[in-house]
PDB file of all heavy atoms in Angstrom:
ATOM      1  N   GLN A   1     124.789  48.064 118.530  1.00  0.00           N
ATOM      2  CA  GLN A   1     125.293  47.146 119.549  1.00  0.00           C
ATOM      3  C   GLN A   1     125.370  47.823 120.912  1.00  0.00           C
ATOM      4  O   GLN A   1     125.020  47.232 121.936  1.00  0.00           O
ATOM      5  CB  GLN A   1     126.671  46.626 119.134  1.00  0.00           C
ATOM      6  CG  GLN A   1     126.636  45.664 117.952  1.00  0.00           C
ATOM      7  CD  GLN A   1     128.014  45.294 117.458  1.00  0.00           C
ATOM      8  OE1 GLN A   1     129.001  45.992 117.708  1.00  0.00           O
ATOM      9  NE2 GLN A   1     128.102  44.182 116.734  1.00  0.00           N
ATOM     10  N   LYS A   2     125.812  49.087 120.923  1.00  0.00           N
ATOM     11  CA  LYS A   2     125.902  49.831 122.178  1.00  0.00           C
ATOM     12  C   LYS A   2     124.515  50.069 122.769  1.00  0.00           C
ATOM     13  O   LYS A   2     124.333  50.026 123.989  1.00  0.00           O
ATOM     14  CB  LYS A   2     126.629  51.160 121.954  1.00  0.00           C
ATOM     15  CG  LYS A   2     128.134  51.013 121.715  1.00  0.00           C
ATOM     16  CD  LYS A   2     128.814  52.351 121.616  1.00  0.00           C
ATOM     17  CE  LYS A   2     130.321  52.191 121.485  1.00  0.00           C
ATOM     18  NZ  LYS A   2     131.021  53.502 121.370  1.00  0.00           N
ATOM     19  N   ALA A   3     123.541  50.336 121.884  1.00  0.00           N
ATOM     20  CA  ALA A   3     122.171  50.560 122.357  1.00  0.00           C
ATOM     21  C   ALA A   3     121.603  49.292 122.984  1.00  0.00           C
ATOM     22  O   ALA A   3     120.928  49.342 124.019  1.00  0.00           O
ATOM     23  CB  ALA A   3     121.294  51.023 121.199  1.00  0.00           C
ATOM     24  N   ILE A   4     121.884  48.147 122.365  1.00  0.00           N
ATOM     25  CA  ILE A   4     121.413  46.865 122.892  1.00  0.00           C
ATOM     26  C   ILE A   4     122.056  46.592 124.254  1.00  0.00           C
ATOM     27  O   ILE A   4     121.391  46.167 125.203  1.00  0.00           O
ATOM     28  CB  ILE A   4     121.728  45.729 121.905  1.00  0.00           C
ATOM     29  CG1 ILE A   4     120.868  45.875 120.648  1.00  0.00           C
ATOM     30  CG2 ILE A   4     121.484  44.369 122.554  1.00  0.00           C
ATOM     31  CD1 ILE A   4     121.230  44.912 119.539  1.00  0.00           C
ATOM     32  N   GLU A   5     123.364  46.849 124.360  1.00  0.00           N
ATOM     33  CA  GLU A   5     124.069  46.632 125.621  1.00  0.00           C
ATOM     34  C   GLU A   5     123.531  47.554 126.707  1.00  0.00           C
ATOM     35  O   GLU A   5     123.363  47.144 127.861  1.00  0.00           O
ATOM     36  CB  GLU A   5     125.565  46.866 125.424  1.00  0.00           C
ATOM     37  CG  GLU A   5     126.242  45.797 124.552  1.00  0.00           C
ATOM     38  CD  GLU A   5     127.656  46.158 124.177  1.00  0.00           C
ATOM     39  OE1 GLU A   5     128.135  47.234 124.620  1.00  0.00           O
ATOM     40  OE2 GLU A   5     128.302  45.386 123.446  1.00  0.00           O
ATOM     41  N   ALA A   6     123.265  48.806 126.326  1.00  0.00           N
ATOM     42  CA  ALA A   6     122.722  49.763 127.300  1.00  0.00           C
ATOM     43  C   ALA A   6     121.339  49.330 127.776  1.00  0.00           C
ATOM     44  O   ALA A   6     121.020  49.433 128.963  1.00  0.00           O
ATOM     45  CB  ALA A   6     122.652  51.161 126.675  1.00  0.00           C
ATOM     46  N   GLU A   7     120.535  48.835 126.837  1.00  0.00           N
ATOM     47  CA  GLU A   7     119.184  48.371 127.191  1.00  0.00           C
ATOM     48  C   GLU A   7     119.250  47.181 128.146  1.00  0.00           C
ATOM     49  O   GLU A   7     118.468  47.091 129.089  1.00  0.00           O
ATOM     50  CB  GLU A   7     118.424  47.981 125.927  1.00  0.00           C
ATOM     51  CG  GLU A   7     116.965  47.632 126.177  1.00  0.00           C
ATOM     52  CD  GLU A   7     116.203  47.354 124.904  1.00  0.00           C
ATOM     53  OE1 GLU A   7     116.743  47.617 123.809  1.00  0.00           O
ATOM     54  OE2 GLU A   7     115.059  46.875 124.995  1.00  0.00           O
ATOM     55  N   LYS A   8     120.219  46.282 127.908  1.00  0.00           N
ATOM     56  CA  LYS A   8     120.385  45.128 128.793  1.00  0.00           C
ATOM     57  C   LYS A   8     120.780  45.579 130.196  1.00  0.00           C
ATOM     58  O   LYS A   8     120.283  45.044 131.198  1.00  0.00           O
ATOM     59  CB  LYS A   8     121.452  44.190 128.235  1.00  0.00           C
ATOM     60  CG  LYS A   8     121.007  43.398 127.015  1.00  0.00           C
ATOM     61  CD  LYS A   8     122.120  42.488 126.521  1.00  0.00           C
ATOM     62  CE  LYS A   8     121.674  41.671 125.312  1.00  0.00           C
ATOM     63  NZ  LYS A   8     122.784  40.811 124.792  1.00  0.00           N
ATOM     64  N   ARG A   9     121.673  46.586 130.266  1.00  0.00           N
ATOM     65  CA  ARG A   9     122.098  47.099 131.580  1.00  0.00           C
ATOM     66  C   ARG A   9     120.928  47.760 132.304  1.00  0.00           C
ATOM     67  O   ARG A   9     120.761  47.597 133.512  1.00  0.00           O
ATOM     68  CB  ARG A   9     123.249  48.093 131.416  1.00  0.00           C
ATOM     69  CG  ARG A   9     124.571  47.445 131.018  1.00  0.00           C
ATOM     70  CD  ARG A   9     125.731  48.392 131.245  1.00  0.00           C
ATOM     71  NE  ARG A   9     125.651  49.561 130.392  1.00  0.00           N
ATOM     72  CZ  ARG A   9     126.177  49.644 129.170  1.00  0.00           C
ATOM     73  NH1 ARG A   9     126.804  48.605 128.659  1.00  0.00           N
ATOM     74  NH2 ARG A   9     126.078  50.746 128.463  1.00  0.00           N
ATOM     75  N   ILE A  10     120.112  48.500 131.534  1.00  0.00           N
ATOM     76  CA  ILE A  10     118.950  49.168 132.135  1.00  0.00           C
ATOM     77  C   ILE A  10     117.956  48.143 132.663  1.00  0.00           C
ATOM     78  O   ILE A  10     117.423  48.281 133.766  1.00  0.00           O
ATOM     79  CB  ILE A  10     118.274  50.092 131.104  1.00  0.00           C
ATOM     80  CG1 ILE A  10     119.184  51.288 130.802  1.00  0.00           C
ATOM     81  CG2 ILE A  10     116.919  50.576 131.608  1.00  0.00           C
ATOM     82  CD1 ILE A  10     118.703  52.148 129.645  1.00  0.00           C
ATOM     83  N   CYS A  11     117.729  47.086 131.867  1.00  0.00           N
ATOM     84  CA  CYS A  11     116.806  46.030 132.296  1.00  0.00           C
ATOM     85  C   CYS A  11     117.314  45.346 133.558  1.00  0.00           C
ATOM     86  O   CYS A  11     116.543  45.048 134.468  1.00  0.00           O
ATOM     87  CB  CYS A  11     116.634  44.999 131.180  1.00  0.00           C
ATOM     88  SG  CYS A  11     115.661  45.588 129.781  1.00  0.00           S
ATOM     89  N   ALA A  12     118.641  45.105 133.606  1.00  0.00           N
ATOM     90  CA  ALA A  12     119.226  44.453 134.780  1.00  0.00           C
ATOM     91  C   ALA A  12     119.076  45.340 136.009  1.00  0.00           C
ATOM     92  O   ALA A  12     118.742  44.863 137.100  1.00  0.00           O
ATOM     93  CB  ALA A  12     120.693  44.138 134.524  1.00  0.00           C
ATOM     94  N   LEU A  13     119.310  46.657 135.827  1.00  0.00           N
ATOM     95  CA  LEU A  13     119.187  47.594 136.949  1.00  0.00           C
ATOM     96  C   LEU A  13     117.728  47.723 137.391  1.00  0.00           C
ATOM     97  O   LEU A  13     117.445  47.831 138.584  1.00  0.00           O
ATOM     98  CB  LEU A  13     119.732  48.965 136.543  1.00  0.00           C
ATOM     99  CG  LEU A  13     121.254  49.064 136.392  1.00  0.00           C
ATOM    100  CD1 LEU A  13     121.641  50.414 135.810  1.00  0.00           C
ATOM    101  CD2 LEU A  13     121.942  48.855 137.742  1.00  0.00           C
ATOM    102  N   THR A  14     116.815  47.725 136.403  1.00  0.00           N
ATOM    103  CA  THR A  14     115.386  47.818 136.725  1.00  0.00           C
ATOM    104  C   THR A  14     114.941  46.612 137.535  1.00  0.00           C
ATOM    105  O   THR A  14     114.220  46.731 138.534  1.00  0.00           O
ATOM    106  CB  THR A  14     114.546  47.909 135.432  1.00  0.00           C
ATOM    107  OG1 THR A  14     114.956  49.066 134.700  1.00  0.00           O
ATOM    108  CG2 THR A  14     113.070  48.009 135.753  1.00  0.00           C
ATOM    109  N   GLU A  15     115.384  45.416 137.093  1.00  0.00           N
ATOM    110  CA  GLU A  15     115.024  44.187 137.812  1.00  0.00           C
ATOM    111  C   GLU A  15     115.645  44.183 139.211  1.00  0.00           C
ATOM    112  O   GLU A  15     114.990  43.787 140.188  1.00  0.00           O
ATOM    113  CB  GLU A  15     115.517  42.975 137.027  1.00  0.00           C
ATOM    114  CG  GLU A  15     115.083  41.653 137.631  1.00  0.00           C
ATOM    115  CD  GLU A  15     115.487  40.470 136.773  1.00  0.00           C
ATOM    116  OE1 GLU A  15     115.906  40.685 135.622  1.00  0.00           O
ATOM    117  OE2 GLU A  15     115.389  39.332 137.274  1.00  0.00           O
ATOM    118  N   GLU A  16     116.890  44.651 139.295  1.00  0.00           N
ATOM    119  CA  GLU A  16     117.560  44.702 140.601  1.00  0.00           C
ATOM    120  C   GLU A  16     116.844  45.672 141.534  1.00  0.00           C
ATOM    121  O   GLU A  16     116.644  45.395 142.718  1.00  0.00           O
ATOM    122  CB  GLU A  16     119.020  45.146 140.398  1.00  0.00           C
ATOM    123  CG  GLU A  16     119.831  45.203 141.674  1.00  0.00           C
ATOM    124  CD  GLU A  16     121.264  45.647 141.424  1.00  0.00           C
ATOM    125  OE1 GLU A  16     121.744  45.469 140.291  1.00  0.00           O
ATOM    126  OE2 GLU A  16     121.885  46.171 142.357  1.00  0.00           O
ATOM    127  N   ASN A  17     116.425  46.827 140.973  1.00  0.00           N
ATOM    128  CA  ASN A  17     115.718  47.819 141.777  1.00  0.00           C
ATOM    129  C   ASN A  17     114.364  47.287 142.229  1.00  0.00           C
ATOM    130  O   ASN A  17     113.950  47.497 143.377  1.00  0.00           O
ATOM    131  CB  ASN A  17     115.525  49.101 140.955  1.00  0.00           C
ATOM    132  CG  ASN A  17     114.877  50.213 141.757  1.00  0.00           C
ATOM    133  OD1 ASN A  17     115.397  50.621 142.787  1.00  0.00           O
ATOM    134  ND2 ASN A  17     113.736  50.690 141.294  1.00  0.00           N
ATOM    135  N   GLU A  18     113.687  46.564 141.305  1.00  0.00           N
ATOM    136  CA  GLU A  18     112.381  45.995 141.656  1.00  0.00           C
ATOM    137  C   GLU A  18     112.524  44.948 142.761  1.00  0.00           C
ATOM    138  O   GLU A  18     111.724  44.907 143.699  1.00  0.00           O
ATOM    139  CB  GLU A  18     111.747  45.357 140.417  1.00  0.00           C
ATOM    140  CG  GLU A  18     110.376  44.758 140.684  1.00  0.00           C
ATOM    141  CD  GLU A  18     109.798  44.096 139.451  1.00  0.00           C
ATOM    142  OE1 GLU A  18     110.122  44.541 138.337  1.00  0.00           O
ATOM    143  OE2 GLU A  18     109.041  43.131 139.612  1.00  0.00           O
ATOM    144  N   THR A  19     113.571  44.118 142.650  1.00  0.00           N
ATOM    145  CA  THR A  19     113.821  43.103 143.677  1.00  0.00           C
ATOM    146  C   THR A  19     114.090  43.764 145.023  1.00  0.00           C
ATOM    147  O   THR A  19     113.603  43.308 146.066  1.00  0.00           O
ATOM    148  CB  THR A  19     115.028  42.226 143.276  1.00  0.00           C
ATOM    149  OG1 THR A  19     114.742  41.601 142.023  1.00  0.00           O
ATOM    150  CG2 THR A  19     115.303  41.161 144.322  1.00  0.00           C
ATOM    151  N   LEU A  20     114.860  44.866 145.015  1.00  0.00           N
ATOM    152  CA  LEU A  20     115.164  45.585 146.258  1.00  0.00           C
ATOM    153  C   LEU A  20     113.902  46.206 146.844  1.00  0.00           C
ATOM    154  O   LEU A  20     113.675  46.151 148.056  1.00  0.00           O
ATOM    155  CB  LEU A  20     116.207  46.672 145.969  1.00  0.00           C
ATOM    156  CG  LEU A  20     116.657  47.513 147.177  1.00  0.00           C
ATOM    157  CD1 LEU A  20     117.295  46.617 148.238  1.00  0.00           C
ATOM    158  CD2 LEU A  20     117.626  48.596 146.742  1.00  0.00           C
ATOM    159  N   GLU A  21     113.070  46.776 145.983  1.00  0.00           N
ATOM    160  CA  GLU A  21     111.824  47.386 146.460  1.00  0.00           C
ATOM    161  C   GLU A  21     110.922  46.347 147.120  1.00  0.00           C
ATOM    162  O   GLU A  21     110.297  46.609 148.148  1.00  0.00           O
ATOM    163  CB  GLU A  21     111.090  48.058 145.292  1.00  0.00           C
ATOM    164  CG  GLU A  21     111.745  49.338 144.810  1.00  0.00           C
ATOM    165  CD  GLU A  21     110.979  49.951 143.652  1.00  0.00           C
ATOM    166  OE1 GLU A  21     110.162  49.232 143.034  1.00  0.00           O
ATOM    167  OE2 GLU A  21     111.202  51.132 143.357  1.00  0.00           O
ATOM    168  N   ILE A  22     110.866  45.163 146.485  1.00  0.00           N
ATOM    169  CA  ILE A  22     110.036  44.103 147.054  1.00  0.00           C
ATOM    170  C   ILE A  22     110.596  43.652 148.393  1.00  0.00           C
ATOM    171  O   ILE A  22     109.867  43.444 149.365  1.00  0.00           O
ATOM    172  CB  ILE A  22     109.951  42.914 146.069  1.00  0.00           C
ATOM    173  CG1 ILE A  22     109.170  43.345 144.821  1.00  0.00           C
ATOM    174  CG2 ILE A  22     109.282  41.707 146.724  1.00  0.00           C
ATOM    175  CD1 ILE A  22     109.238  42.350 143.693  1.00  0.00           C
ATOM    176  N   ALA A  23     111.936  43.492 148.435  1.00  0.00           N
ATOM    177  CA  ALA A  23     112.582  43.054 149.682  1.00  0.00           C
ATOM    178  C   ALA A  23     112.349  44.053 150.806  1.00  0.00           C
ATOM    179  O   ALA A  23     112.205  43.682 151.969  1.00  0.00           O
ATOM    180  CB  ALA A  23     114.075  42.854 149.455  1.00  0.00           C
ATOM    181  N   LEU A  24     112.301  45.335 150.453  1.00  0.00           N
ATOM    182  CA  LEU A  24     112.091  46.376 151.456  1.00  0.00           C
ATOM    183  C   LEU A  24     110.610  46.706 151.649  1.00  0.00           C
ATOM    184  O   LEU A  24     110.259  47.588 152.424  1.00  0.00           O
ATOM    185  CB  LEU A  24     112.845  47.656 151.036  1.00  0.00           C
ATOM    186  CG  LEU A  24     114.371  47.532 150.950  1.00  0.00           C
ATOM    187  CD1 LEU A  24     114.971  48.831 150.435  1.00  0.00           C
ATOM    188  CD2 LEU A  24     114.963  47.171 152.313  1.00  0.00           C
ATOM    189  N   ASN A  25     109.763  45.993 150.906  1.00  0.00           N
ATOM    190  CA  ASN A  25     108.313  46.189 151.002  1.00  0.00           C
ATOM    191  C   ASN A  25     107.890  47.595 150.576  1.00  0.00           C
ATOM    192  O   ASN A  25     106.975  48.190 151.140  1.00  0.00           O
ATOM    193  CB  ASN A  25     107.808  45.905 152.419  1.00  0.00           C
ATOM    194  CG  ASN A  25     106.310  45.588 152.441  1.00  0.00           C
ATOM    195  OD1 ASN A  25     105.746  45.213 151.422  1.00  0.00           O
ATOM    196  ND2 ASN A  25     105.689  45.753 153.594  1.00  0.00           N
ATOM    197  N   THR A  26     108.587  48.162 149.556  1.00  0.00           N
ATOM    198  CA  THR A  26     108.224  49.496 149.060  1.00  0.00           C
ATOM    199  C   THR A  26     107.702  49.444 147.623  1.00  0.00           C
ATOM    200  O   THR A  26     107.358  50.473 147.052  1.00  0.00           O
ATOM    201  CB  THR A  26     109.447  50.440 149.106  1.00  0.00           C
ATOM    202  OG1 THR A  26     110.497  49.885 148.290  1.00  0.00           O
ATOM    203  CG2 THR A  26     109.937  50.633 150.525  1.00  0.00           C
ATOM    204  N   SER A  27     107.628  48.246 147.068  1.00  0.00           N
ATOM    205  CA  SER A  27     107.174  48.108 145.683  1.00  0.00           C
ATOM    206  C   SER A  27     105.681  48.366 145.567  1.00  0.00           C
ATOM    207  O   SER A  27     104.904  48.047 146.466  1.00  0.00           O
ATOM    208  CB  SER A  27     107.491  46.696 145.170  1.00  0.00           C
ATOM    209  OG  SER A  27     106.906  46.488 143.902  1.00  0.00           O
ATOM    210  N   LEU A  28     105.286  48.960 144.425  1.00  0.00           N
ATOM    211  CA  LEU A  28     103.862  49.173 144.147  1.00  0.00           C
ATOM    212  C   LEU A  28     103.308  48.036 143.289  1.00  0.00           C
ATOM    213  O   LEU A  28     102.132  48.055 142.923  1.00  0.00           O
ATOM    214  CB  LEU A  28     103.666  50.507 143.420  1.00  0.00           C
ATOM    215  CG  LEU A  28     104.060  51.758 144.215  1.00  0.00           C
ATOM    216  CD1 LEU A  28     103.835  53.008 143.377  1.00  0.00           C
ATOM    217  CD2 LEU A  28     103.277  51.838 145.521  1.00  0.00           C
ATOM    218  N   GLN A  29     104.149  47.057 142.990  1.00  0.00           N
ATOM    219  CA  GLN A  29     103.720  45.913 142.184  1.00  0.00           C
ATOM    220  C   GLN A  29     103.460  44.671 143.041  1.00  0.00           C
ATOM    221  O   GLN A  29     102.748  43.776 142.623  1.00  0.00           O
ATOM    222  CB  GLN A  29     104.792  45.586 141.128  1.00  0.00           C
ATOM    223  CG  GLN A  29     105.096  46.732 140.179  1.00  0.00           C
ATOM    224  CD  GLN A  29     103.874  47.185 139.406  1.00  0.00           C
ATOM    225  OE1 GLN A  29     103.083  46.363 138.941  1.00  0.00           O
ATOM    226  NE2 GLN A  29     103.680  48.493 139.295  1.00  0.00           N
ATOM    227  N   PHE A  30     104.087  44.617 144.225  1.00  0.00           N
ATOM    228  CA  PHE A  30     103.902  43.499 145.155  1.00  0.00           C
ATOM    229  C   PHE A  30     103.453  44.036 146.513  1.00  0.00           C
ATOM    230  O   PHE A  30     103.976  45.048 146.982  1.00  0.00           O
ATOM    231  CB  PHE A  30     105.212  42.721 145.316  1.00  0.00           C
ATOM    232  CG  PHE A  30     105.492  41.753 144.201  1.00  0.00           C
ATOM    233  CD1 PHE A  30     105.896  42.205 142.952  1.00  0.00           C
ATOM    234  CD2 PHE A  30     105.363  40.382 144.391  1.00  0.00           C
ATOM    235  CE1 PHE A  30     106.161  41.329 141.915  1.00  0.00           C
ATOM    236  CE2 PHE A  30     105.622  39.488 143.367  1.00  0.00           C
ATOM    237  CZ  PHE A  30     106.022  39.957 142.124  1.00  0.00           C
ATOM    238  N   PHE A  31     102.498  43.335 147.139  1.00  0.00           N
ATOM    239  CA  PHE A  31     101.970  43.774 148.433  1.00  0.00           C
ATOM    240  C   PHE A  31     101.913  42.598 149.407  1.00  0.00           C
ATOM    241  O   PHE A  31     101.450  41.519 149.058  1.00  0.00           O
ATOM    242  CB  PHE A  31     100.547  44.340 148.265  1.00  0.00           C
ATOM    243  CG  PHE A  31     100.497  45.695 147.646  1.00  0.00           C
ATOM    244  CD1 PHE A  31     100.655  45.855 146.274  1.00  0.00           C
ATOM    245  CD2 PHE A  31     100.306  46.817 148.432  1.00  0.00           C
ATOM    246  CE1 PHE A  31     100.601  47.107 145.695  1.00  0.00           C
ATOM    247  CE2 PHE A  31     100.253  48.087 147.863  1.00  0.00           C
ATOM    248  CZ  PHE A  31     100.408  48.233 146.484  1.00  0.00           C
ATOM    249  N   THR A  32     102.390  42.851 150.633  1.00  0.00           N
ATOM    250  CA  THR A  32     102.147  41.889 151.710  1.00  0.00           C
ATOM    251  C   THR A  32     100.703  42.091 152.160  1.00  0.00           C
ATOM    252  O   THR A  32     100.045  43.081 151.799  1.00  0.00           O
ATOM    253  CB  THR A  32     103.077  42.142 152.898  1.00  0.00           C
ATOM    254  OG1 THR A  32     102.794  43.448 153.431  1.00  0.00           O
ATOM    255  CG2 THR A  32     104.540  42.060 152.492  1.00  0.00           C
ATOM    256  N   VAL A  33     100.187  41.171 152.972  1.00  0.00           N
ATOM    257  CA  VAL A  33      98.809  41.307 153.461  1.00  0.00           C
ATOM    258  C   VAL A  33      98.675  42.572 154.303  1.00  0.00           C
ATOM    259  O   VAL A  33      97.713  43.347 154.147  1.00  0.00           O
ATOM    260  CB  VAL A  33      98.398  40.070 154.282  1.00  0.00           C
ATOM    261  CG1 VAL A  33      97.016  40.280 154.898  1.00  0.00           C
ATOM    262  CG2 VAL A  33      98.403  38.814 153.417  1.00  0.00           C
ATOM    263  N   ALA A  34      99.670  42.788 155.202  1.00  0.00           N
ATOM    264  CA  ALA A  34      99.606  43.961 156.080  1.00  0.00           C
ATOM    265  C   ALA A  34      99.652  45.255 155.279  1.00  0.00           C
ATOM    266  O   ALA A  34      98.912  46.210 155.552  1.00  0.00           O
ATOM    267  CB  ALA A  34     100.759  43.915 157.083  1.00  0.00           C
ATOM    268  N   LYS A  35     100.526  45.291 154.265  1.00  0.00           N
ATOM    269  CA  LYS A  35     100.656  46.496 153.446  1.00  0.00           C
ATOM    270  C   LYS A  35      99.380  46.749 152.637  1.00  0.00           C
ATOM    271  O   LYS A  35      98.917  47.892 152.527  1.00  0.00           O
ATOM    272  CB  LYS A  35     101.858  46.339 152.509  1.00  0.00           C
ATOM    273  CG  LYS A  35     102.087  47.522 151.574  1.00  0.00           C
ATOM    274  CD  LYS A  35     103.284  47.228 150.676  1.00  0.00           C
ATOM    275  CE  LYS A  35     103.434  48.283 149.605  1.00  0.00           C
ATOM    276  NZ  LYS A  35     104.546  47.983 148.690  1.00  0.00           N
ATOM    277  N   TYR A  36      98.793  45.682 152.077  1.00  0.00           N
ATOM    278  CA  TYR A  36      97.559  45.828 151.306  1.00  0.00           C
ATOM    279  C   TYR A  36      96.429  46.300 152.220  1.00  0.00           C
ATOM    280  O   TYR A  36      95.628  47.174 151.840  1.00  0.00           O
ATOM    281  CB  TYR A  36      97.189  44.489 150.662  1.00  0.00           C
ATOM    282  CG  TYR A  36      96.109  44.604 149.607  1.00  0.00           C
ATOM    283  CD1 TYR A  36      96.435  44.793 148.269  1.00  0.00           C
ATOM    284  CD2 TYR A  36      94.751  44.532 149.957  1.00  0.00           C
ATOM    285  CE1 TYR A  36      95.454  44.902 147.299  1.00  0.00           C
ATOM    286  CE2 TYR A  36      93.765  44.638 149.007  1.00  0.00           C
ATOM    287  CZ  TYR A  36      94.118  44.833 147.672  1.00  0.00           C
ATOM    288  OH  TYR A  36      93.135  44.952 146.725  1.00  0.00           O
TER     289      TYR A  36
END
């Protein structure tokens, strides 16, 4: 149960970090036209 909860927290943090990277235009998964 603790492992599942930890995995959920990691996934939430990963998604939050990815959203922040995209918002700051630093993500390697999303590109604006200018950045590409």
